[in-house]
Amino acid sequence: MEILVCVKKVPDPAENEIAVRRDGSDIDRDDLVYSVNEWDNYAVEEAIQLVEEHGGSVTVVSVGDEESDEIIRRELAMGADAGKLLDDEAFHYSDGRGVAAILAHAARQAQYDLILTGAQAEDAAAQVGGMLAAMLDLPYASLVVRVEVKEGDKLEIAREIDGGNLEINEIDLPCALSIQTGINEPRYVGIRGIRKTASVEVPVLGAAELGLDPGTVGRAGAKVRKLDYFVPELGQGAEILQGSREEIADQLIARLRGRGVIQ
């Protein structure tokens, strides 16, 4: 099974204090520490486990800059077989549709049985996976928490839905899936493992190599543009109710009645 996994570099909230620039144009990115998007890590682990059981290879791909090379090498140390960095000045300021278009052009360069993304990005919306599947005309499922290979080029997948319930579906290969956290336990990657990938070639592909019109992506092709970043004003603090469950329930009901929410 040939699997392509899309990964993204995001600011690490555990290592950074995120601040907004004074002009509201962006967050302050000076000296930020980056890491792989959490959901993408689960997608890579799932791909590796599928290949370990059924054979094939895992390729990771990232739209980013030279710092994204470190993210790709981390996933190579995790067990991926190859990586591709999609980097071009024309890609900067792409919206979700633009990122999906860049990834779609990369995906068309080879025959993949399965394309995985994280269910969402820590610094953006959950949109690229679905748009990528649409551009490639592939069947698609989101919030996937279990993947099983069946006979006849099919997968049985479980999707997380409201109330903690699961929806079971059968989907034909090739297809695209967005992976939810909790589907597995991503394996630990140490510094030594990452250093071993230093000599691995990670090709850098721009618009020309992808056969992509640069005017359709980046700032030029963006249909959605970020206008402002701001920190919301602090509101009143939350009130913590104390006591047993019955006492807390009584206090909550009293407060709701006092505010006219219930009779």
C-alpha atoms as a PDB file:
ATOM      1  CA  MET A   1       0.000   0.000   0.000  1.00  0.00           C
ATOM      2  CA  GLU A   2       1.432   3.330  -1.077  1.00  0.00           C
ATOM      3  CA  ILE A   3       0.451   6.045   1.386  1.00  0.00           C
ATOM      4  CA  LEU A   4       0.940   9.803   1.235  1.00  0.00           C
ATOM      5  CA  VAL A   5       0.642  11.727   4.513  1.00  0.00           C
ATOM      6  CA  CYS A   6       0.337  15.522   4.575  1.00  0.00           C
ATOM      7  CA  VAL A   7       2.050  17.148   7.557  1.00  0.00           C
ATOM      8  CA  LYS A   8       2.332  20.734   8.719  1.00  0.00           C
ATOM      9  CA  LYS A   9       4.703  22.832  10.809  1.00  0.00           C
ATOM     10  CA  VAL A  10       2.894  24.755  13.569  1.00  0.00           C
ATOM     11  CA  PRO A  11       4.018  26.897  16.526  1.00  0.00           C
ATOM     12  CA  ASP A  12       4.429  24.692  19.588  1.00  0.00           C
ATOM     13  CA  PRO A  13       2.132  26.108  22.303  1.00  0.00           C
ATOM     14  CA  ALA A  14       4.090  24.246  24.973  1.00  0.00           C
ATOM     15  CA  GLU A  15       7.316  26.019  24.003  1.00  0.00           C
ATOM     16  CA  ASN A  16       6.050  29.480  23.067  1.00  0.00           C
ATOM     17  CA  GLU A  17       4.182  32.405  24.505  1.00  0.00           C
ATOM     18  CA  ILE A  18       2.086  33.463  21.537  1.00  0.00           C
ATOM     19  CA  ALA A  19       1.764  37.237  21.126  1.00  0.00           C
ATOM     20  CA  VAL A  20       0.064  39.329  18.457  1.00  0.00           C
ATOM     21  CA  ARG A  21       1.973  42.010  16.570  1.00  0.00           C
ATOM     22  CA  ARG A  22       1.003  45.577  17.401  1.00  0.00           C
ATOM     23  CA  ASP A  23      -0.421  46.190  13.943  1.00  0.00           C
ATOM     24  CA  GLY A  24      -2.561  43.030  14.164  1.00  0.00           C
ATOM     25  CA  SER A  25      -1.132  41.660  10.919  1.00  0.00           C
ATOM     26  CA  ASP A  26       0.070  38.361  12.380  1.00  0.00           C
ATOM     27  CA  ILE A  27       1.370  36.721  15.511  1.00  0.00           C
ATOM     28  CA  ASP A  28       4.934  37.581  16.454  1.00  0.00           C
ATOM     29  CA  ARG A  29       6.932  34.785  14.832  1.00  0.00           C
ATOM     30  CA  ASP A  30      10.391  35.866  15.956  1.00  0.00           C
ATOM     31  CA  ASP A  31      12.149  33.035  17.811  1.00  0.00           C
ATOM     32  CA  LEU A  32       9.117  30.750  17.735  1.00  0.00           C
ATOM     33  CA  VAL A  33       9.672  27.037  18.310  1.00  0.00           C
ATOM     34  CA  TYR A  34       7.820  24.856  15.815  1.00  0.00           C
ATOM     35  CA  SER A  35       6.687  21.254  15.909  1.00  0.00           C
ATOM     36  CA  VAL A  36       4.611  18.905  13.786  1.00  0.00           C
ATOM     37  CA  ASN A  37       0.863  19.418  13.962  1.00  0.00           C
ATOM     38  CA  GLU A  38      -0.484  16.988  16.577  1.00  0.00           C
ATOM     39  CA  TRP A  39      -3.197  15.479  14.358  1.00  0.00           C
ATOM     40  CA  ASP A  40      -0.671  14.893  11.566  1.00  0.00           C
ATOM     41  CA  ASN A  41       1.518  12.871  13.917  1.00  0.00           C
ATOM     42  CA  TYR A  42      -1.336  10.418  14.445  1.00  0.00           C
ATOM     43  CA  ALA A  43      -1.830  10.207  10.675  1.00  0.00           C
ATOM     44  CA  VAL A  44       1.840   9.326  10.136  1.00  0.00           C
ATOM     45  CA  GLU A  45       1.734   6.685  12.858  1.00  0.00           C
ATOM     46  CA  GLU A  46      -1.395   5.126  11.327  1.00  0.00           C
ATOM     47  CA  ALA A  47       0.266   5.039   7.901  1.00  0.00           C
ATOM     48  CA  ILE A  48       3.369   3.369   9.320  1.00  0.00           C
ATOM     49  CA  GLN A  49       1.301   0.737  11.117  1.00  0.00           C
ATOM     50  CA  LEU A  50      -0.666  -0.047   7.943  1.00  0.00           C
ATOM     51  CA  VAL A  51       2.535  -0.481   5.948  1.00  0.00           C
ATOM     52  CA  GLU A  52       4.103  -2.620   8.671  1.00  0.00           C
ATOM     53  CA  GLU A  53       1.104  -4.958   8.464  1.00  0.00           C
ATOM     54  CA  HIS A  54       0.334  -4.907   4.747  1.00  0.00           C
ATOM     55  CA  GLY A  55       3.543  -3.731   3.046  1.00  0.00           C
ATOM     56  CA  GLY A  56       4.184  -0.691   0.899  1.00  0.00           C
ATOM     57  CA  SER A  57       5.710   2.670   1.741  1.00  0.00           C
ATOM     58  CA  VAL A  58       4.918   5.953   3.478  1.00  0.00           C
ATOM     59  CA  THR A  59       5.751   9.343   1.968  1.00  0.00           C
ATOM     60  CA  VAL A  60       5.298  12.523   3.988  1.00  0.00           C
ATOM     61  CA  VAL A  61       4.775  15.866   2.266  1.00  0.00           C
ATOM     62  CA  SER A  62       4.637  19.375   3.679  1.00  0.00           C
ATOM     63  CA  VAL A  63       3.831  22.807   2.261  1.00  0.00           C
ATOM     64  CA  GLY A  64       6.196  25.168   4.045  1.00  0.00           C
ATOM     65  CA  ASP A  65       9.618  26.751   4.170  1.00  0.00           C
ATOM     66  CA  GLU A  66      13.079  25.450   4.968  1.00  0.00           C
ATOM     67  CA  GLU A  67      12.116  25.023   8.636  1.00  0.00           C
ATOM     68  CA  SER A  68       9.522  22.463   7.543  1.00  0.00           C
ATOM     69  CA  ASP A  69      12.432  20.259   6.485  1.00  0.00           C
ATOM     70  CA  GLU A  70      12.959  19.484  10.182  1.00  0.00           C
ATOM     71  CA  ILE A  71       9.347  18.367  10.509  1.00  0.00           C
ATOM     72  CA  ILE A  72       9.710  16.017   7.551  1.00  0.00           C
ATOM     73  CA  ARG A  73      12.919  14.537   8.957  1.00  0.00           C
ATOM     74  CA  ARG A  74      11.209  13.927  12.284  1.00  0.00           C
ATOM     75  CA  GLU A  75       8.571  11.855  10.496  1.00  0.00           C
ATOM     76  CA  LEU A  76      11.295  10.011   8.592  1.00  0.00           C
ATOM     77  CA  ALA A  77      12.895   9.156  11.937  1.00  0.00           C
ATOM     78  CA  MET A  78       9.476   7.967  13.072  1.00  0.00           C
ATOM     79  CA  GLY A  79       9.429   5.429  10.246  1.00  0.00           C
ATOM     80  CA  ALA A  80       8.264   7.131   7.044  1.00  0.00           C
ATOM     81  CA  ASP A  81      10.166   6.046   3.925  1.00  0.00           C
ATOM     82  CA  ALA A  82      10.434   9.319   1.998  1.00  0.00           C
ATOM     83  CA  GLY A  83       9.614  12.988   2.245  1.00  0.00           C
ATOM     84  CA  LYS A  84       8.877  15.953  -0.008  1.00  0.00           C
ATOM     85  CA  LEU A  85       8.998  19.651   0.822  1.00  0.00           C
ATOM     86  CA  LEU A  86       6.774  21.932  -1.247  1.00  0.00           C
ATOM     87  CA  ASP A  87       8.401  25.355  -1.010  1.00  0.00           C
ATOM     88  CA  ASP A  88       8.051  28.314  -3.318  1.00  0.00           C
ATOM     89  CA  GLU A  89       7.687  32.038  -2.694  1.00  0.00           C
ATOM     90  CA  ALA A  90       4.495  31.825  -4.735  1.00  0.00           C
ATOM     91  CA  PHE A  91       2.997  29.517  -2.086  1.00  0.00           C
ATOM     92  CA  HIS A  92       3.241  32.089   0.709  1.00  0.00           C
ATOM     93  CA  TYR A  93      -0.074  33.321   2.154  1.00  0.00           C
ATOM     94  CA  SER A  94      -2.056  30.515   0.518  1.00  0.00           C
ATOM     95  CA  ASP A  95      -5.518  29.981   1.969  1.00  0.00           C
ATOM     96  CA  GLY A  96      -6.879  26.498   2.649  1.00  0.00           C
ATOM     97  CA  ARG A  97      -7.904  26.017  -0.955  1.00  0.00           C
ATOM     98  CA  GLY A  98      -4.450  27.068  -2.137  1.00  0.00           C
ATOM     99  CA  VAL A  99      -2.709  24.629   0.201  1.00  0.00           C
ATOM    100  CA  ALA A 100      -5.014  21.836  -0.974  1.00  0.00           C
ATOM    101  CA  ALA A 101      -4.212  22.684  -4.612  1.00  0.00           C
ATOM    102  CA  ILE A 102      -0.461  22.533  -3.950  1.00  0.00           C
ATOM    103  CA  LEU A 103      -0.820  19.166  -2.209  1.00  0.00           C
ATOM    104  CA  ALA A 104      -3.058  17.868  -5.005  1.00  0.00           C
ATOM    105  CA  HIS A 105      -0.404  18.607  -7.620  1.00  0.00           C
ATOM    106  CA  ALA A 106       2.169  16.774  -5.499  1.00  0.00           C
ATOM    107  CA  ALA A 107      -0.168  13.797  -5.050  1.00  0.00           C
ATOM    108  CA  ARG A 108      -0.678  13.479  -8.812  1.00  0.00           C
ATOM    109  CA  GLN A 109       3.038  12.880  -9.333  1.00  0.00           C
ATOM    110  CA  ALA A 110       2.710   9.295  -8.081  1.00  0.00           C
ATOM    111  CA  GLN A 111       0.081   6.588  -7.622  1.00  0.00           C
ATOM    112  CA  TYR A 112      -1.075   6.517  -3.993  1.00  0.00           C
ATOM    113  CA  ASP A 113      -3.597   4.078  -2.592  1.00  0.00           C
ATOM    114  CA  LEU A 114      -4.292   6.196   0.461  1.00  0.00           C
ATOM    115  CA  ILE A 115      -3.839   9.873   1.317  1.00  0.00           C
ATOM    116  CA  LEU A 116      -3.980  10.910   4.973  1.00  0.00           C
ATOM    117  CA  THR A 117      -4.193  14.288   6.658  1.00  0.00           C
ATOM    118  CA  GLY A 118      -4.758  15.272  10.244  1.00  0.00           C
ATOM    119  CA  ALA A 119      -8.373  16.021  11.150  1.00  0.00           C
ATOM    120  CA  GLN A 120      -7.394  19.661  11.659  1.00  0.00           C
ATOM    121  CA  ALA A 121      -4.443  21.985  12.182  1.00  0.00           C
ATOM    122  CA  GLU A 122      -3.596  23.597  15.501  1.00  0.00           C
ATOM    123  CA  ASP A 123      -3.280  27.009  13.821  1.00  0.00           C
ATOM    124  CA  ALA A 124      -6.045  26.812  11.197  1.00  0.00           C
ATOM    125  CA  ALA A 125      -9.396  25.253  10.311  1.00  0.00           C
ATOM    126  CA  ALA A 126     -10.273  21.658   9.442  1.00  0.00           C
ATOM    127  CA  GLN A 127     -10.597  22.206   5.701  1.00  0.00           C
ATOM    128  CA  VAL A 128      -7.600  21.022   3.662  1.00  0.00           C
ATOM    129  CA  GLY A 129      -8.332  17.286   3.828  1.00  0.00           C
ATOM    130  CA  GLY A 130     -11.804  17.552   2.328  1.00  0.00           C
ATOM    131  CA  MET A 131     -10.768  20.020  -0.363  1.00  0.00           C
ATOM    132  CA  LEU A 132      -7.768  17.881  -1.294  1.00  0.00           C
ATOM    133  CA  ALA A 133     -10.019  14.824  -1.725  1.00  0.00           C
ATOM    134  CA  ALA A 134     -12.427  16.846  -3.891  1.00  0.00           C
ATOM    135  CA  MET A 135      -9.631  18.118  -6.132  1.00  0.00           C
ATOM    136  CA  LEU A 136      -8.352  14.557  -6.608  1.00  0.00           C
ATOM    137  CA  ASP A 137     -11.912  13.193  -7.052  1.00  0.00           C
ATOM    138  CA  LEU A 138     -11.362  10.648  -4.261  1.00  0.00           C
ATOM    139  CA  PRO A 139     -13.840   9.213  -1.758  1.00  0.00           C
ATOM    140  CA  TYR A 140     -13.278  10.873   1.592  1.00  0.00           C
ATOM    141  CA  ALA A 141     -14.024  10.445   5.291  1.00  0.00           C
ATOM    142  CA  SER A 142     -13.168  12.719   8.212  1.00  0.00           C
ATOM    143  CA  LEU A 143     -12.573  12.213  11.954  1.00  0.00           C
ATOM    144  CA  VAL A 144     -11.396   8.637  11.381  1.00  0.00           C
ATOM    145  CA  VAL A 145     -10.488   6.711  14.540  1.00  0.00           C
ATOM    146  CA  ARG A 146     -10.004   3.205  13.103  1.00  0.00           C
ATOM    147  CA  VAL A 147      -8.769   1.846   9.771  1.00  0.00           C
ATOM    148  CA  GLU A 148      -8.914  -1.812   8.714  1.00  0.00           C
ATOM    149  CA  VAL A 149      -7.885  -3.175   5.325  1.00  0.00           C
ATOM    150  CA  LYS A 150     -10.475  -5.464   3.725  1.00  0.00           C
ATOM    151  CA  GLU A 151     -10.454  -7.641   0.621  1.00  0.00           C
ATOM    152  CA  GLY A 152     -11.225  -6.135  -2.735  1.00  0.00           C
ATOM    153  CA  ASP A 153      -9.312  -2.861  -2.314  1.00  0.00           C
ATOM    154  CA  LYS A 154     -11.572  -1.604   0.441  1.00  0.00           C
ATOM    155  CA  LEU A 155     -11.155  -0.173   3.904  1.00  0.00           C
ATOM    156  CA  GLU A 156     -13.472  -0.415   6.866  1.00  0.00           C
ATOM    157  CA  ILE A 157     -13.250   2.783   8.857  1.00  0.00           C
ATOM    158  CA  ALA A 158     -14.755   4.100  12.058  1.00  0.00           C
ATOM    159  CA  ARG A 159     -15.623   7.789  12.339  1.00  0.00           C
ATOM    160  CA  GLU A 160     -16.120   9.716  15.546  1.00  0.00           C
ATOM    161  CA  ILE A 161     -19.559  11.345  15.686  1.00  0.00           C
ATOM    162  CA  ASP A 162     -21.602  13.222  18.303  1.00  0.00           C
ATOM    163  CA  GLY A 163     -22.008  11.745  21.761  1.00  0.00           C
ATOM    164  CA  GLY A 164     -18.822   9.688  21.572  1.00  0.00           C
ATOM    165  CA  ASN A 165     -20.461   7.236  19.163  1.00  0.00           C
ATOM    166  CA  LEU A 166     -18.817   5.628  16.146  1.00  0.00           C
ATOM    167  CA  GLU A 167     -20.041   5.458  12.570  1.00  0.00           C
ATOM    168  CA  ILE A 168     -18.738   2.446  10.619  1.00  0.00           C
ATOM    169  CA  ASN A 169     -18.233   2.832   6.867  1.00  0.00           C
ATOM    170  CA  GLU A 170     -16.731   0.890   3.985  1.00  0.00           C
ATOM    171  CA  ILE A 171     -14.726   2.973   1.538  1.00  0.00           C
ATOM    172  CA  ASP A 172     -13.017   2.088  -1.740  1.00  0.00           C
ATOM    173  CA  LEU A 173      -9.318   2.563  -2.382  1.00  0.00           C
ATOM    174  CA  PRO A 174      -7.814   4.869  -3.460  1.00  0.00           C
ATOM    175  CA  CYS A 175      -9.277   7.324  -0.987  1.00  0.00           C
ATOM    176  CA  ALA A 176      -8.413  10.165   1.379  1.00  0.00           C
ATOM    177  CA  LEU A 177      -8.959  10.175   5.140  1.00  0.00           C
ATOM    178  CA  SER A 178      -8.589  12.802   7.849  1.00  0.00           C
ATOM    179  CA  ILE A 179      -7.288  11.187  11.023  1.00  0.00           C
ATOM    180  CA  GLN A 180      -8.505  12.030  14.516  1.00  0.00           C
ATOM    181  CA  THR A 181      -6.303  11.989  17.603  1.00  0.00           C
ATOM    182  CA  GLY A 182      -6.596   8.844  19.721  1.00  0.00           C
ATOM    183  CA  ILE A 183      -6.583   6.453  16.761  1.00  0.00           C
ATOM    184  CA  ASN A 184      -3.201   5.168  17.973  1.00  0.00           C
ATOM    185  CA  GLU A 185      -0.232   6.094  20.134  1.00  0.00           C
ATOM    186  CA  PRO A 186       2.462   7.835  18.037  1.00  0.00           C
ATOM    187  CA  ARG A 187       5.856   6.274  18.683  1.00  0.00           C
ATOM    188  CA  TYR A 188       8.589   8.205  20.435  1.00  0.00           C
ATOM    189  CA  VAL A 189      11.247   9.813  18.260  1.00  0.00           C
ATOM    190  CA  GLY A 190      14.589  10.617  19.903  1.00  0.00           C
ATOM    191  CA  ILE A 191      17.296  13.070  18.877  1.00  0.00           C
ATOM    192  CA  ARG A 192      19.522  10.199  17.765  1.00  0.00           C
ATOM    193  CA  GLY A 193      16.853   8.974  15.353  1.00  0.00           C
ATOM    194  CA  ILE A 194      16.407  12.432  13.880  1.00  0.00           C
ATOM    195  CA  ARG A 195      20.167  12.815  13.406  1.00  0.00           C
ATOM    196  CA  LYS A 196      20.234   9.594  11.403  1.00  0.00           C
ATOM    197  CA  THR A 197      17.973  11.221   8.828  1.00  0.00           C
ATOM    198  CA  ALA A 198      20.393  14.117   8.235  1.00  0.00           C
ATOM    199  CA  SER A 199      21.832  12.425   5.133  1.00  0.00           C
ATOM    200  CA  VAL A 200      18.434  11.506   3.666  1.00  0.00           C
ATOM    201  CA  GLU A 201      17.582  13.541   0.575  1.00  0.00           C
ATOM    202  CA  VAL A 202      14.362  15.512   0.910  1.00  0.00           C
ATOM    203  CA  PRO A 203      13.553  17.002  -2.510  1.00  0.00           C
ATOM    204  CA  VAL A 204      12.236  20.559  -2.586  1.00  0.00           C
ATOM    205  CA  LEU A 205       9.531  21.111  -5.195  1.00  0.00           C
ATOM    206  CA  GLY A 206       8.266  24.498  -6.316  1.00  0.00           C
ATOM    207  CA  ALA A 207       5.483  25.569  -8.643  1.00  0.00           C
ATOM    208  CA  ALA A 208       7.502  24.706 -11.763  1.00  0.00           C
ATOM    209  CA  GLU A 209       8.310  21.170 -10.572  1.00  0.00           C
ATOM    210  CA  LEU A 210       4.668  20.593  -9.654  1.00  0.00           C
ATOM    211  CA  GLY A 211       3.340  21.985 -12.932  1.00  0.00           C
ATOM    212  CA  LEU A 212       1.317  24.515 -10.964  1.00  0.00           C
ATOM    213  CA  ASP A 213       0.324  27.990 -12.113  1.00  0.00           C
ATOM    214  CA  PRO A 214       1.705  30.235  -9.322  1.00  0.00           C
ATOM    215  CA  GLY A 215      -1.090  32.744  -9.912  1.00  0.00           C
ATOM    216  CA  THR A 216      -3.660  30.236  -8.609  1.00  0.00           C
ATOM    217  CA  VAL A 217      -2.143  29.883  -5.136  1.00  0.00           C
ATOM    218  CA  GLY A 218      -0.492  32.097  -2.543  1.00  0.00           C
ATOM    219  CA  ARG A 219      -1.638  35.655  -2.024  1.00  0.00           C
ATOM    220  CA  ALA A 220      -2.565  35.973  -5.706  1.00  0.00           C
ATOM    221  CA  GLY A 221      -4.997  33.061  -5.653  1.00  0.00           C
ATOM    222  CA  ALA A 222      -6.341  33.351  -2.114  1.00  0.00           C
ATOM    223  CA  LYS A 223     -10.109  33.691  -1.793  1.00  0.00           C
ATOM    224  CA  VAL A 224      -9.865  33.993   2.002  1.00  0.00           C
ATOM    225  CA  ARG A 225      -7.508  36.518   3.573  1.00  0.00           C
ATOM    226  CA  LYS A 226      -6.671  37.132   7.222  1.00  0.00           C
ATOM    227  CA  LEU A 227      -7.576  40.713   8.075  1.00  0.00           C
ATOM    228  CA  ASP A 228      -6.735  40.998  11.749  1.00  0.00           C
ATOM    229  CA  TYR A 229      -5.318  39.171  14.753  1.00  0.00           C
ATOM    230  CA  PHE A 230      -6.309  40.241  18.250  1.00  0.00           C
ATOM    231  CA  VAL A 231      -6.404  39.011  21.821  1.00  0.00           C
ATOM    232  CA  PRO A 232      -9.982  38.979  23.201  1.00  0.00           C
ATOM    233  CA  GLU A 233     -10.625  41.186  26.182  1.00  0.00           C
ATOM    234  CA  LEU A 234     -10.719  39.370  29.481  1.00  0.00           C
ATOM    235  CA  GLY A 235     -14.186  38.733  30.820  1.00  0.00           C
ATOM    236  CA  GLN A 236     -15.288  37.832  34.297  1.00  0.00           C
ATOM    237  CA  GLY A 237     -13.766  34.737  35.794  1.00  0.00           C
ATOM    238  CA  ALA A 238     -15.650  31.467  36.025  1.00  0.00           C
ATOM    239  CA  GLU A 239     -17.386  30.521  39.251  1.00  0.00           C
ATOM    240  CA  ILE A 240     -16.467  27.079  40.560  1.00  0.00           C
ATOM    241  CA  LEU A 241     -19.289  25.349  42.420  1.00  0.00           C
ATOM    242  CA  GLN A 242     -18.235  23.289  45.433  1.00  0.00           C
ATOM    243  CA  GLY A 243     -19.798  20.298  47.159  1.00  0.00           C
ATOM    244  CA  SER A 244     -21.234  16.927  46.250  1.00  0.00           C
ATOM    245  CA  ARG A 245     -22.827  16.323  42.871  1.00  0.00           C
ATOM    246  CA  GLU A 246     -26.275  16.819  44.402  1.00  0.00           C
ATOM    247  CA  GLU A 247     -25.212  20.063  46.105  1.00  0.00           C
ATOM    248  CA  ILE A 248     -23.596  21.359  42.914  1.00  0.00           C
ATOM    249  CA  ALA A 249     -26.746  20.516  40.938  1.00  0.00           C
ATOM    250  CA  ASP A 250     -28.894  22.402  43.471  1.00  0.00           C
ATOM    251  CA  GLN A 251     -26.582  25.435  43.315  1.00  0.00           C
ATOM    252  CA  LEU A 252     -26.637  25.405  39.521  1.00  0.00           C
ATOM    253  CA  ILE A 253     -30.443  25.206  39.387  1.00  0.00           C
ATOM    254  CA  ALA A 254     -30.721  28.077  41.876  1.00  0.00           C
ATOM    255  CA  ARG A 255     -28.437  30.271  39.763  1.00  0.00           C
ATOM    256  CA  LEU A 256     -30.312  29.464  36.563  1.00  0.00           C
ATOM    257  CA  ARG A 257     -33.620  30.294  38.186  1.00  0.00           C
ATOM    258  CA  GLY A 258     -32.166  33.495  39.599  1.00  0.00           C
ATOM    259  CA  ARG A 259     -31.196  34.592  36.097  1.00  0.00           C
ATOM    260  CA  GLY A 260     -34.560  33.622  34.608  1.00  0.00           C
ATOM    261  CA  VAL A 261     -33.088  30.861  32.444  1.00  0.00           C
ATOM    262  CA  ILE A 262     -35.465  28.271  33.924  1.00  0.00           C
ATOM    263  CA  GLN A 263     -38.658  28.522  35.973  1.00  0.00           C
END
